[in-house]
Structure formats: C-alpha cells, structure tokens
C-alpha cells in the first residue's frame, strides 16, 4: 500500500455525477446520456492563501461553508446541463438567487420554526426555560432528520445518494493509499465522518447547547438569537467536525451523523464509482495523479473521461 496523501479531499454528489474538492482545485464529473464521462476542473487556491481570516477558528468554518455552497450550486448547474436535466446552463445570477433562497429557507425551517413550535408546546408541557430549550432542540433535530428521510423517498434522490456513496468510497480509498480501481474502492464503506450530513447533525447538537446557555432570555430574543447566531453555530460546528475527523478521542461526535448517513448514502454501482474516480483525478495535481497511478491500476472508464 502506498503512503496516504498528506492532504484530505472532500466532495458532493450531483446529478448523475460527483464534485470533488482537493487542496488546489475542484472538479465535477458526470456521466452523460450517451454513457461518456465528462469532467471539468477549476483551480481553487487554499482559503488560507486568500484570506487571513481562514486561519482563525470559528471564522474559517463560516468561510468554508459559504465557499462550499457556492461551489455546490455551480457543480449542480453544470451537472444538470450535462446529464440532460436542463437545456441551458444556469446563470450566475440564478445561482446567487438559489443560494439566498436556500439560506432563508434553512433559517426559517430549522431555526425559526422550532423555536416558535417549542413556545407553543411548552405551554402544555411546562413553561420553564429549560423545558422550552429542550423541546426546541428536539424539534430541530427531528426536522433535520425528517427532512432528509422525506427527500430520500424520491427515486431521483436515491440515485444521487448512490453517487454520494461513490464519492465517500473513493475518498476513503484515496486517503488510505489504495489503488483507484473499482474493486479496491468498493471494499470501503459509503459513510464518511467528514460528510455534510454529519455537519448538519453536529449543528443541531451545538445549537442546543448554545441556546441552553441563553435559556433565560425573553422569547423575542430567543427568536432573534436563532437567526443572529447562525454564523457562530456554523463556526463552532465546523471546529467540532474537524476535530472529530482528526482526533480519535473526538470520533464520538461524528457517530450520530454516520447513523443518519444510512439514509443519505447508498451502495453505488461500478459505473458510478468510475465517475467519482474521474472527478477526483480531475481535481488532483499532475504529480498527485502520477502518485495515484503508481499505486496500481486505475479504472479505465475514469481515465477515458472527456474534459469540457
């Protein structure tokens, strides 16, 4: 087995494909309706090289989250076009509009709705401040898990979740120094501790403890805090996720998210794994690709990918 790489990679499932993000670039690979894998790659200098704030705990988590949303929408736009789901590429203005809508929807659904519902239910279960925060936390976690479960009922989403599994398996193999052939990759679990699903669950847990410390605030301030403290909670959650992935004694923090990944990841077929490999190769530097090839055989389908 080759020595594992010094840097980690991340990714996201898209329509009929996978987006991969490496330290120096990000890429998307999609299997077109004609069966050919097409990929694109864009340079992406490290955040720490672009902003000093990216080195500061809490701030870096917010910056990574914003950048991940931007790249995610761009990747989805391109994949929709290439997979045949859209006739035209989505414009930059439409991407920004979709991002703003998604952020406001998330705040309304997972921040404001739980606190308003908790206020109403607390009147029946006891109007103590601790009771109120506990109900608020339970509703928030329930909404997150329930939302994930609900969208998983769609056949189209099930296919996206298969690509999600292909992404995770490929990252596992790459980070463990294994060859990037389909057989080696399929040995790994489709779940990964750095997954965005784990991040969502950690957000719910961190939010509970933050709001527990504010339990005595008047209701109006309770509602305001759910909105105003979103950046703080996101930053704290990122630090917890980062520690959980890098420190064995913190691994417990990722377990709830790993359980929920039973919903958001599915076993991929071999063709889907090929797409994930093609995306990863497109995101790596030339030297990193050479190192990968030195490990052993690389899936031929991934190597034959066309670049747009």
Protein backbone atom coordinates (compact mmCIF):
# COMPACT_ATOMS: atom_id res chain seq x y z
CA UNK A 1 0.00 0.00 0.00
CA UNK A 2 1.29 3.47 -0.86
CA UNK A 3 1.70 6.17 1.73
CA UNK A 4 -1.58 8.05 2.24
CA UNK A 5 -1.63 11.64 0.91
CA UNK A 6 -0.81 14.46 3.29
CA UNK A 7 -3.94 16.45 2.41
CA UNK A 8 -7.55 15.40 2.51
CA UNK A 9 -10.23 15.90 -0.11
CA UNK A 10 -13.96 16.45 0.06
CA UNK A 11 -16.87 16.26 -2.30
CA UNK A 12 -20.54 16.28 -3.07
CA UNK A 13 -22.92 14.21 -5.15
CA UNK A 14 -24.58 15.99 -8.07
CA UNK A 15 -26.96 14.95 -10.84
CA UNK A 16 -25.50 11.80 -12.43
CA UNK A 17 -22.10 12.67 -11.06
CA UNK A 18 -19.74 13.79 -8.34
CA UNK A 19 -17.96 17.01 -7.42
CA UNK A 20 -14.55 16.64 -5.77
CA UNK A 21 -12.60 19.34 -3.97
CA UNK A 22 -8.85 18.94 -3.48
CA UNK A 23 -6.42 21.40 -1.88
CA UNK A 24 -5.54 23.09 -5.20
CA UNK A 25 -8.62 22.61 -7.39
CA UNK A 26 -12.22 21.45 -7.60
CA UNK A 27 -13.76 19.32 -10.31
CA UNK A 28 -17.03 17.77 -11.44
CA UNK A 29 -17.52 14.58 -13.44
CA UNK A 30 -20.85 13.48 -14.91
CA UNK A 31 -21.97 10.52 -16.98
CA UNK A 32 -23.77 11.95 -19.98
CA UNK A 33 -26.86 10.31 -21.54
CA UNK A 34 -24.56 8.79 -24.21
CA UNK A 35 -22.67 6.94 -21.47
CA UNK A 36 -19.47 9.01 -21.73
CA UNK A 37 -17.95 10.56 -18.59
CA UNK A 38 -17.29 14.27 -18.98
CA UNK A 39 -15.31 16.30 -16.43
CA UNK A 40 -14.30 19.89 -15.78
CA UNK A 41 -11.67 21.26 -13.40
CA UNK A 42 -11.09 24.70 -11.88
CA UNK A 43 -8.17 25.99 -9.83
CA UNK A 44 -9.02 26.76 -6.22
CA UNK A 45 -6.19 28.23 -4.13
CA UNK A 46 -6.39 27.46 -0.43
CA UNK A 47 -8.62 29.76 1.61
CA UNK A 48 -5.68 30.45 3.90
CA UNK A 49 -3.78 31.88 0.92
CA UNK A 50 -6.70 34.15 0.02
CA UNK A 51 -7.72 35.39 3.45
CA UNK A 52 -6.07 35.67 6.85
CA UNK A 53 -9.47 35.04 8.47
CA UNK A 54 -9.38 31.49 7.07
CA UNK A 55 -6.72 30.71 9.69
CA UNK A 56 -8.87 31.92 12.60
CA UNK A 57 -11.05 29.32 14.38
CA UNK A 58 -14.83 29.97 14.04
CA UNK A 59 -14.30 32.39 11.13
CA UNK A 60 -12.77 29.68 8.93
CA UNK A 61 -15.81 27.45 9.40
CA UNK A 62 -18.17 30.15 8.13
CA UNK A 63 -15.90 30.87 5.16
CA UNK A 64 -15.63 27.18 4.25
CA UNK A 65 -19.41 26.83 4.47
CA UNK A 66 -20.05 29.82 2.18
CA UNK A 67 -17.49 28.62 -0.35
CA UNK A 68 -18.91 25.08 -0.24
CA UNK A 69 -22.39 26.45 -1.01
CA UNK A 70 -21.04 28.44 -3.95
CA UNK A 71 -19.14 25.51 -5.42
CA UNK A 72 -22.05 23.16 -4.78
CA UNK A 73 -24.50 25.28 -6.76
CA UNK A 74 -22.02 25.71 -9.61
CA UNK A 75 -21.44 21.95 -9.71
CA UNK A 76 -25.17 21.25 -9.69
CA UNK A 77 -25.74 23.73 -12.51
CA UNK A 78 -23.11 22.11 -14.73
CA UNK A 79 -24.21 18.58 -13.91
CA UNK A 80 -27.85 19.41 -14.69
CA UNK A 81 -26.80 20.66 -18.12
CA UNK A 82 -24.54 17.70 -18.96
CA UNK A 83 -26.82 14.99 -17.58
CA UNK A 84 -29.65 16.21 -19.77
CA UNK A 85 -31.79 17.58 -16.91
CA UNK A 86 -31.50 21.18 -18.14
CA UNK A 87 -31.39 22.59 -21.68
CA UNK A 88 -29.36 25.62 -20.67
CA UNK A 89 -26.69 26.32 -18.08
CA UNK A 90 -27.96 28.18 -15.03
CA UNK A 91 -26.68 31.78 -14.92
CA UNK A 92 -24.56 33.27 -12.14
CA UNK A 93 -27.50 35.46 -11.13
CA UNK A 94 -29.76 32.42 -10.84
CA UNK A 95 -27.14 30.60 -8.74
CA UNK A 96 -26.92 33.53 -6.32
CA UNK A 97 -30.71 33.71 -6.15
CA UNK A 98 -30.94 29.99 -5.41
CA UNK A 99 -28.29 30.30 -2.69
CA UNK A 100 -30.10 33.20 -1.00
CA UNK A 101 -33.41 31.33 -1.16
CA UNK A 102 -31.81 28.18 0.27
CA UNK A 103 -30.26 30.10 3.16
CA UNK A 104 -33.52 31.84 4.08
CA UNK A 105 -35.45 28.56 3.76
CA UNK A 106 -32.95 26.80 6.04
CA UNK A 107 -33.12 29.58 8.64
CA UNK A 108 -36.91 29.59 8.57
CA UNK A 109 -37.29 25.82 8.68
CA UNK A 110 -34.50 24.83 11.07
CA UNK A 111 -34.10 27.95 13.20
CA UNK A 112 -37.35 29.92 13.47
CA UNK A 113 -39.95 27.13 13.15
CA UNK A 114 -38.51 25.02 16.04
CA UNK A 115 -38.43 27.94 18.49
CA UNK A 116 -41.98 29.06 17.65
CA UNK A 117 -43.24 25.47 17.91
CA UNK A 118 -41.39 24.99 21.20
CA UNK A 119 -43.01 28.10 22.65
CA UNK A 120 -46.46 26.70 21.84
CA UNK A 121 -45.71 23.18 23.12
CA UNK A 122 -44.04 24.44 26.29
CA UNK A 123 -47.40 25.85 27.32
CA UNK A 124 -48.71 22.28 27.57
CA UNK A 125 -45.58 20.58 28.93
CA UNK A 126 -44.40 23.24 31.36
CA UNK A 127 -43.30 26.78 30.68
CA UNK A 128 -39.83 26.51 32.23
CA UNK A 129 -36.92 27.93 30.26
CA UNK A 130 -35.04 24.60 30.25
CA UNK A 131 -38.14 22.73 29.04
CA UNK A 132 -38.51 25.27 26.25
CA UNK A 133 -34.89 24.84 25.04
CA UNK A 134 -35.10 21.03 25.22
CA UNK A 135 -38.29 20.99 23.14
CA UNK A 136 -36.71 23.44 20.69
CA UNK A 137 -33.65 21.18 20.32
CA UNK A 138 -35.69 18.01 19.86
CA UNK A 139 -37.84 19.65 17.18
CA UNK A 140 -34.75 20.99 15.35
CA UNK A 141 -33.02 17.60 15.23
CA UNK A 142 -36.30 15.95 14.29
CA UNK A 143 -36.82 18.37 11.41
CA UNK A 144 -33.30 17.79 10.08
CA UNK A 145 -33.62 14.01 10.15
CA UNK A 146 -37.22 14.10 8.95
CA UNK A 147 -36.35 16.35 6.02
CA UNK A 148 -33.50 14.05 4.97
CA UNK A 149 -35.74 10.99 5.25
CA UNK A 150 -38.56 12.66 3.30
CA UNK A 151 -36.45 13.66 0.30
CA UNK A 152 -34.85 10.19 0.30
CA UNK A 153 -38.22 8.74 -0.78
CA UNK A 154 -37.66 10.12 -4.30
CA UNK A 155 -36.16 7.69 -6.82
CA UNK A 156 -34.09 10.51 -8.34
CA UNK A 157 -32.67 11.39 -4.92
CA UNK A 158 -31.91 7.73 -4.26
CA UNK A 159 -29.67 7.81 -7.32
CA UNK A 160 -27.95 10.96 -6.05
CA UNK A 161 -27.40 9.15 -2.74
CA UNK A 162 -25.69 6.33 -4.67
CA UNK A 163 -23.27 8.86 -6.14
CA UNK A 164 -22.85 10.18 -2.60
CA UNK A 165 -21.75 6.70 -1.57
CA UNK A 166 -19.39 6.51 -4.58
CA UNK A 167 -17.84 9.82 -3.52
CA UNK A 168 -17.21 8.61 0.03
CA UNK A 169 -15.82 5.23 -1.04
CA UNK A 170 -13.41 6.89 -3.48
CA UNK A 171 -12.21 9.37 -0.86
CA UNK A 172 -11.68 6.51 1.62
CA UNK A 173 -9.52 4.62 -0.89
CA UNK A 174 -7.53 7.69 -1.90
CA UNK A 175 -6.83 8.79 1.67
CA UNK A 176 -5.82 5.27 2.67
CA UNK A 177 -3.26 5.00 -0.14
CA UNK A 178 -5.18 2.34 -2.09
CA UNK A 179 -5.30 1.96 -5.88
CA UNK A 180 -8.17 3.79 -7.55
CA UNK A 181 -9.68 0.78 -9.29
CA UNK A 182 -13.34 -0.09 -8.85
CA UNK A 183 -12.68 -3.33 -6.94
CA UNK A 184 -10.49 -1.65 -4.29
CA UNK A 185 -12.90 1.25 -3.84
CA UNK A 186 -15.98 -0.94 -3.48
CA UNK A 187 -14.43 -2.55 -0.37
CA UNK A 188 -14.96 0.65 1.61
CA UNK A 189 -18.00 1.95 3.47
CA UNK A 190 -20.21 4.54 1.75
CA UNK A 191 -20.19 6.54 5.01
CA UNK A 192 -17.54 9.12 5.90
CA UNK A 193 -17.01 11.12 9.13
CA UNK A 194 -16.40 14.43 7.30
CA UNK A 195 -19.70 14.25 5.41
CA UNK A 196 -22.03 17.24 5.29
CA UNK A 197 -24.70 15.04 6.87
CA UNK A 198 -22.53 14.76 9.97
CA UNK A 199 -22.12 18.53 9.89
CA UNK A 200 -25.89 19.05 9.91
CA UNK A 201 -26.36 16.83 12.94
CA UNK A 202 -23.47 18.50 14.77
CA UNK A 203 -25.08 21.88 14.02
CA UNK A 204 -28.26 20.69 15.73
CA UNK A 205 -26.37 19.49 18.81
CA UNK A 206 -24.15 22.59 19.05
CA UNK A 207 -27.20 24.82 18.66
CA UNK A 208 -28.87 23.06 21.58
CA UNK A 209 -26.00 23.81 23.96
CA UNK A 210 -25.60 27.40 22.74
CA UNK A 211 -29.29 28.12 23.21
CA UNK A 212 -29.30 26.32 26.56
CA UNK A 213 -26.88 28.97 27.80
CA UNK A 214 -29.40 31.62 26.69
CA UNK A 215 -32.45 29.89 28.18
CA UNK A 216 -33.39 32.83 30.41
CA UNK A 217 -33.71 35.34 27.57
CA UNK A 218 -37.19 36.72 26.70
CA UNK A 219 -38.95 34.95 23.83
CA UNK A 220 -38.32 37.76 21.32
CA UNK A 221 -34.59 37.48 21.98
CA UNK A 222 -34.81 33.69 21.73
CA UNK A 223 -36.15 34.03 18.20
CA UNK A 224 -33.57 36.68 17.28
CA UNK A 225 -30.73 34.56 18.66
CA UNK A 226 -31.71 31.65 16.39
CA UNK A 227 -31.04 33.89 13.39
CA UNK A 228 -28.20 36.13 14.60
CA UNK A 229 -26.11 33.29 15.99
CA UNK A 230 -26.20 31.14 12.83
CA UNK A 231 -22.59 32.11 11.89
CA UNK A 232 -21.33 31.35 15.40
CA UNK A 233 -23.06 27.95 15.48
CA UNK A 234 -21.78 27.11 11.98
CA UNK A 235 -18.24 28.08 13.01
CA UNK A 236 -18.37 26.03 16.22
CA UNK A 237 -19.84 23.05 14.38
CA UNK A 238 -17.06 23.13 11.79
CA UNK A 239 -14.43 23.03 14.53
CA UNK A 240 -16.19 20.05 16.15
CA UNK A 241 -16.43 18.23 12.81
CA UNK A 242 -12.77 18.93 12.05
CA UNK A 243 -11.70 17.66 15.48
CA UNK A 244 -13.92 14.58 15.21
CA UNK A 245 -12.32 13.63 11.87
CA UNK A 246 -8.76 14.24 13.04
CA UNK A 247 -8.74 13.12 16.70
CA UNK A 248 -9.71 9.58 17.72
CA UNK A 249 -10.98 10.71 21.13
CA UNK A 250 -13.46 13.03 19.36
CA UNK A 251 -14.78 10.36 16.99
CA UNK A 252 -17.98 10.05 19.04
CA UNK A 253 -19.09 13.47 17.74
CA UNK A 254 -19.41 12.06 14.21
CA UNK A 255 -21.39 8.96 15.16
CA UNK A 256 -24.90 10.47 15.03
CA UNK A 257 -24.12 11.85 11.57
CA UNK A 258 -22.76 8.48 10.49
CA UNK A 259 -26.05 6.89 11.59
CA UNK A 260 -28.05 9.39 9.51
CA UNK A 261 -25.80 8.60 6.54
CA UNK A 262 -27.64 5.29 6.43
CA UNK A 263 -30.31 7.45 4.75
CA UNK A 264 -28.15 9.83 2.70
CA UNK A 265 -25.67 7.32 1.24
CA UNK A 266 -26.39 4.17 -0.76
CA UNK A 267 -24.20 1.48 -2.27
CA UNK A 268 -23.11 2.65 -5.74
CA UNK A 269 -22.73 0.51 -8.82
CA UNK A 270 -19.38 0.20 -10.59
CA UNK A 271 -20.24 2.80 -13.25
CA UNK A 272 -21.00 5.37 -10.56
CA UNK A 273 -17.67 4.66 -8.87
CA UNK A 274 -15.92 5.30 -12.19
CA UNK A 275 -17.48 8.76 -12.30
CA UNK A 276 -16.28 9.51 -8.75
CA UNK A 277 -12.74 8.41 -9.68
CA UNK A 278 -12.78 10.62 -12.79
CA UNK A 279 -13.85 13.60 -10.66
CA UNK A 280 -11.10 13.01 -8.11
CA UNK A 281 -8.41 12.64 -10.79
CA UNK A 282 -9.58 15.91 -12.37
CA UNK A 283 -9.22 17.70 -9.02
CA UNK A 284 -5.69 16.45 -8.31
CA UNK A 285 -2.42 17.97 -9.50
CA UNK A 286 -0.32 16.23 -12.15
CA UNK A 287 2.12 14.97 -9.52
CA UNK A 288 -0.72 13.64 -7.38
CA UNK A 289 -2.19 11.80 -10.38
CA UNK A 290 1.23 10.24 -11.06
CA UNK A 291 1.38 9.07 -7.44
CA UNK A 292 -2.10 7.56 -7.74
CA UNK A 293 -1.10 5.63 -10.86
CA UNK A 294 1.96 4.29 -9.06
CA UNK A 295 -0.33 2.62 -6.52
CA UNK A 296 -1.75 0.29 -9.16
CA UNK A 297 -4.41 0.10 -11.83
CA UNK A 298 -6.85 2.99 -12.22
CA UNK A 299 -10.37 2.38 -13.54
CA UNK A 300 -10.16 2.61 -17.36
CA UNK A 301 -13.53 4.32 -17.60
CA UNK A 302 -12.28 7.14 -15.37
CA UNK A 303 -9.08 7.57 -17.37
CA UNK A 304 -11.12 7.80 -20.59
CA UNK A 305 -13.18 10.75 -19.32
CA UNK A 306 -13.54 13.69 -21.69
CA UNK A 307 -12.76 17.20 -20.44
CA UNK A 308 -15.17 20.02 -21.21
